[in-house]
Each structure stands twice: as structure tokens, then as C-alpha cells.
Amino acid sequence: MDAVAPNAGLFPMAEPQSQSIDPENERDIALMSRIATGDEAAFRALVERHQHVVIGMIAKMLNDPIEAEDLAQRVFLRVWKHAKRWKPEAKFTTYLFTIARNLVYNESRRRSRKKEVSADQRSEEFGAETAADARIEPDSETLRNEMHDEIDHAIAELPENQRAAVVLYAYESLPYEEIAQVLGTSVSSVKSLIFRGRTTLREKLAHFTGY
């Protein structure tokens, strides 16, 4: 009788398998190869594939949907400009989100250097809004919209890396590993950033959540 390896039935040896292929990423790579040759149709196809997610990410990070569209255009212009030098060393979306992250950080810093609206003007605006709101009986939709606005505002006030980690994880559903690549940090650091970001958001939104 031939010898049988112990537990052979329970733990059969796995057949060698090739590395799993992500068909969506393969499509992006193929498009980038064509874009590198100046193929405008391929560029339009790539933009159509990813523009909504890029705009959504930027809008959440800046709390500014209008500016998000402008920055998204700049993201894709950089993709076009650097297509010849791009190498598929990581997922294309990682490269795309990294460009978006850098532009958002630059825009956030530019805004922080600008003069803010004067305290008196803010006070006047707040008073006018409060007076107007007092004439409207709040309903569930109004409260829901107010909560969403508060969440967006709170996210936009998080430190840069916390904000990016929370948005990429909670809204774009990126795995820790890809977020770490986008932020240029470790997986453990990403988990810490998300934890601290969520803690801050819970504290700022306690009046809505009741916690």
C-alpha cells in the first residue's frame, strides 16, 4: 500500500495558482497604455469610469461640491500629463486617489492661509439665518439634511490624514492596505487614523447621536 501523508484528506495540498487578477484594474492598465500614446478616446473612457468617485472623495474632504469638480478635472489632467511615465506598480485607483489627496491637501492649506470672514460678518449671517429658521417648523427631512451638513463639516475639519483615511474607508470602501498606499504610511497607522477620526466625529456629533 502506498504511504499516505497524515491528514491528507483534511488538508489536501493546494494546486499552484497564479496571482489573482483584478479585471477592473486590468482595464485601467489597458486604458493607461493607450493614453500614453495620446489616445484621447481612452482618456475619456478612463474619466467616465472614475470621475464620480474622485469628485465624491474630494467633495467629502473639502466639504465643497463645486470646488470638487474643478479639482477632479485637475486630477485627470495630471493623469493625462504623466501617462507616459506611469507604471502599474500598484492599482491604478491607488495612483488616482494619491493625486487627489495631494491636490486636496494643497487646496486645504491654501484656504487656511486666506483671510476668514470677519467675526462680525459671521455673527450677522448667523443671526439672519437663525431668524429665518425660526419661521420654519423643522421636519424630519430638514433635520436629516442638517445632520448631513454637520457630518460633512465635521469631516472637513479633521486633520489631513485622518480626514483622508476616514473618507477613503467609510465612503470609498477602500481596504486598509490600499489606504496605506495612498497615504504613504502603514496599515497600523491607517487603523489608528480611522479610530481617532471616528472618535472626534462622535464627539462633535454627539448632539445628533445622543452619545
Protein backbone atom coordinates (compact mmCIF):
# COMPACT_ATOMS: atom_id res chain seq x y z
CA MET A 1 0.00 0.00 0.00
CA ASP A 2 1.27 3.42 -0.87
CA ALA A 3 2.08 5.70 2.02
CA VAL A 4 -0.45 8.42 2.66
CA ALA A 5 0.56 11.72 4.18
CA PRO A 6 -1.03 12.30 7.59
CA ASN A 7 -4.23 14.32 7.45
CA ALA A 8 -4.06 14.27 3.66
CA GLY A 9 -7.83 14.14 3.44
CA LEU A 10 -8.32 17.04 5.82
CA PHE A 11 -5.62 19.31 4.47
CA PRO A 12 -5.03 18.45 0.82
CA MET A 13 -2.13 20.19 -0.86
CA ALA A 14 -3.33 23.17 -2.82
CA GLU A 15 -2.62 23.28 -6.50
CA PRO A 16 -0.31 26.11 -7.54
CA GLN A 17 -2.38 29.11 -8.50
CA SER A 18 -1.49 32.20 -10.43
CA GLN A 19 -1.87 35.54 -8.70
CA SER A 20 -5.46 36.70 -8.77
CA ILE A 21 -6.18 39.28 -11.42
CA ASP A 22 -8.42 42.28 -10.86
CA PRO A 23 -10.29 42.72 -14.15
CA GLU A 24 -11.20 46.33 -13.38
CA ASN A 25 -7.59 47.22 -12.70
CA GLU A 26 -6.53 45.37 -15.85
CA ARG A 27 -8.96 47.52 -17.81
CA ASP A 28 -7.46 50.67 -16.26
CA ILE A 29 -3.97 49.49 -17.16
CA ALA A 30 -5.04 48.88 -20.75
CA LEU A 31 -6.58 52.33 -20.95
CA MET A 32 -3.45 53.93 -19.49
CA SER A 33 -1.33 52.15 -22.08
CA ARG A 34 -3.43 53.73 -24.80
CA ILE A 35 -3.45 57.12 -23.08
CA ALA A 36 0.35 57.03 -23.02
CA THR A 37 0.23 57.05 -26.83
CA GLY A 38 -2.06 60.09 -26.86
CA ASP A 39 -5.34 58.22 -27.30
CA GLU A 40 -8.00 60.77 -26.32
CA ALA A 41 -10.85 58.26 -26.57
CA ALA A 42 -9.14 56.08 -23.97
CA PHE A 43 -8.69 59.12 -21.74
CA ARG A 44 -12.39 59.98 -21.98
CA ALA A 45 -13.26 56.38 -21.11
CA LEU A 46 -10.98 56.49 -18.06
CA VAL A 47 -12.50 59.77 -16.88
CA GLU A 48 -16.02 58.36 -17.27
CA ARG A 49 -15.03 55.30 -15.23
CA HIS A 50 -13.67 57.23 -12.26
CA GLN A 51 -14.86 60.83 -12.27
CA HIS A 52 -17.80 60.31 -9.93
CA VAL A 53 -15.78 58.59 -7.23
CA VAL A 54 -12.99 61.19 -7.48
CA ILE A 55 -15.46 64.08 -7.24
CA GLY A 56 -17.17 62.38 -4.31
CA MET A 57 -13.91 61.87 -2.43
CA ILE A 58 -12.79 65.46 -2.94
CA ALA A 59 -16.21 66.88 -2.06
CA LYS A 60 -16.21 64.97 1.24
CA MET A 61 -12.68 66.05 2.10
CA LEU A 62 -13.25 69.73 1.29
CA ASN A 63 -16.97 69.95 2.04
CA ASP A 64 -17.24 71.81 -1.25
CA PRO A 65 -19.00 70.06 -4.18
CA ILE A 66 -18.32 72.93 -6.59
CA GLU A 67 -14.58 73.04 -5.93
CA ALA A 68 -14.55 69.23 -6.10
CA GLU A 69 -15.42 69.27 -9.80
CA ASP A 70 -12.61 71.71 -10.56
CA LEU A 71 -10.06 69.71 -8.58
CA ALA A 72 -11.24 66.47 -10.18
CA GLN A 73 -10.50 67.95 -13.61
CA ARG A 74 -7.00 68.79 -12.40
CA VAL A 75 -6.57 65.22 -11.14
CA PHE A 76 -7.33 63.78 -14.57
CA LEU A 77 -5.21 66.38 -16.33
CA ARG A 78 -2.27 65.14 -14.26
CA VAL A 79 -3.11 61.56 -15.21
CA TRP A 80 -3.03 62.58 -18.89
CA LYS A 81 0.19 64.58 -18.49
CA HIS A 82 2.09 61.81 -16.72
CA ALA A 83 0.62 58.78 -18.52
CA LYS A 84 3.86 58.01 -20.36
CA ARG A 85 5.79 57.75 -17.09
CA TRP A 86 3.15 55.83 -15.15
CA LYS A 87 3.98 52.23 -14.23
CA PRO A 88 1.39 49.72 -12.94
CA GLU A 89 3.30 49.05 -9.74
CA ALA A 90 0.11 49.45 -7.70
CA LYS A 91 -3.59 49.58 -8.51
CA PHE A 92 -4.50 52.45 -10.79
CA THR A 93 -7.08 53.69 -8.28
CA THR A 94 -4.31 53.96 -5.67
CA TYR A 95 -2.42 56.25 -8.04
CA LEU A 96 -5.59 58.21 -8.78
CA PHE A 97 -6.52 58.71 -5.12
CA THR A 98 -2.95 59.73 -4.30
CA ILE A 99 -3.11 62.54 -6.85
CA ALA A 100 -6.50 63.62 -5.50
CA ARG A 101 -5.20 63.53 -1.92
CA ASN A 102 -2.24 65.77 -2.78
CA LEU A 103 -4.42 68.34 -4.55
CA VAL A 104 -6.90 68.37 -1.67
CA TYR A 105 -4.11 68.92 0.85
CA ASN A 106 -2.74 71.80 -1.23
CA GLU A 107 -6.19 73.36 -1.51
CA SER A 108 -6.82 72.97 2.23
CA ARG A 109 -3.56 74.72 3.03
CA ARG A 110 -4.29 77.48 0.55
CA ARG A 111 -7.65 78.06 2.19
CA SER A 112 -6.14 78.12 5.67
CA ARG A 113 -3.87 80.96 4.57
CA LYS A 114 -6.72 83.05 3.24
CA LYS A 115 -8.42 85.60 5.43
CA GLU A 116 -11.54 84.23 7.03
CA VAL A 117 -14.80 86.08 7.06
CA SER A 118 -14.78 88.64 9.88
CA ALA A 119 -16.34 87.64 13.18
CA ASP A 120 -18.87 90.46 12.89
CA GLN A 121 -19.98 89.35 9.44
CA ARG A 122 -20.28 85.74 10.58
CA SER A 123 -22.33 86.87 13.54
CA GLU A 124 -24.66 88.89 11.32
CA GLU A 125 -25.07 85.98 8.90
CA PHE A 126 -25.74 83.58 11.74
CA GLY A 127 -28.33 85.93 13.21
CA ALA A 128 -30.10 86.27 9.88
CA GLU A 129 -30.09 82.50 9.34
CA THR A 130 -31.39 81.89 12.86
CA ALA A 131 -34.19 84.41 12.38
CA ALA A 132 -35.14 82.80 9.08
CA ASP A 133 -35.00 79.30 10.54
CA ALA A 134 -37.22 80.36 13.42
CA ARG A 135 -40.04 80.96 10.96
CA ILE A 136 -39.79 77.41 9.62
CA GLU A 137 -41.02 74.46 11.60
CA PRO A 138 -38.31 71.80 11.31
CA ASP A 139 -39.37 68.46 9.89
CA SER A 140 -37.59 65.14 9.59
CA GLU A 141 -36.11 65.97 6.18
CA THR A 142 -34.80 69.31 7.43
CA LEU A 143 -33.20 67.66 10.43
CA ARG A 144 -31.73 64.92 8.25
CA ASN A 145 -30.21 67.47 5.88
CA GLU A 146 -28.88 69.43 8.81
CA MET A 147 -27.26 66.29 10.19
CA HIS A 148 -25.61 65.50 6.84
CA ASP A 149 -24.29 69.06 6.66
CA GLU A 150 -22.90 68.77 10.18
CA ILE A 151 -21.21 65.46 9.33
CA ASP A 152 -19.64 66.91 6.18
CA HIS A 153 -18.44 69.97 8.10
CA ALA A 154 -17.00 67.82 10.89
CA ILE A 155 -15.15 65.60 8.41
CA ALA A 156 -13.69 68.65 6.65
CA GLU A 157 -12.28 69.86 9.98
CA LEU A 158 -10.37 66.65 10.72
CA PRO A 159 -6.56 66.72 10.37
CA GLU A 160 -5.50 65.92 6.81
CA ASN A 161 -4.53 62.26 7.13
CA GLN A 162 -7.42 61.45 9.47
CA ARG A 163 -9.82 63.06 7.02
CA ALA A 164 -8.42 61.14 4.06
CA ALA A 165 -8.39 57.83 5.92
CA VAL A 166 -11.98 58.22 7.13
CA VAL A 167 -13.29 59.26 3.70
CA LEU A 168 -11.46 56.51 1.82
CA TYR A 169 -12.56 53.86 4.31
CA ALA A 170 -16.13 54.93 5.09
CA TYR A 171 -17.22 56.38 1.73
CA GLU A 172 -14.99 54.75 -0.88
CA SER A 173 -14.76 51.35 0.89
CA LEU A 174 -11.03 51.02 0.25
CA PRO A 175 -9.21 48.28 2.21
CA TYR A 176 -6.64 49.29 4.83
CA GLU A 177 -3.78 48.20 2.58
CA GLU A 178 -4.78 50.48 -0.29
CA ILE A 179 -5.43 53.43 2.04
CA ALA A 180 -1.94 52.91 3.47
CA GLN A 181 -0.50 53.13 -0.06
CA VAL A 182 -2.47 56.28 -0.84
CA LEU A 183 -1.32 57.96 2.37
CA GLY A 184 2.22 56.59 2.21
CA THR A 185 2.00 55.02 5.65
CA SER A 186 1.50 51.65 7.36
CA VAL A 187 -1.70 49.66 7.82
CA SER A 188 -1.45 50.05 11.61
CA SER A 189 -1.17 53.81 11.17
CA VAL A 190 -4.25 53.82 8.93
CA LYS A 191 -6.26 51.93 11.56
CA SER A 192 -5.15 54.45 14.18
CA LEU A 193 -6.08 57.39 11.95
CA ILE A 194 -9.54 55.97 11.33
CA PHE A 195 -10.06 55.27 15.03
CA ARG A 196 -9.03 58.80 16.05
CA GLY A 197 -11.08 60.34 13.25
CA ARG A 198 -14.20 58.41 14.21
CA THR A 199 -13.72 59.31 17.88
CA THR A 200 -13.51 63.00 17.01
CA LEU A 201 -16.59 62.79 14.79
CA ARG A 202 -18.60 61.06 17.52
CA GLU A 203 -17.68 63.81 19.96
CA LYS A 204 -18.56 66.61 17.55
CA LEU A 205 -21.83 64.98 16.51
CA ALA A 206 -22.92 63.88 19.99
CA HIS A 207 -25.88 66.27 19.92
CA PHE A 208 -27.26 64.30 16.96
CA THR A 209 -26.39 60.78 18.06
CA GLY A 210 -27.22 61.21 21.73
CA TYR A 211 -23.85 59.72 22.83
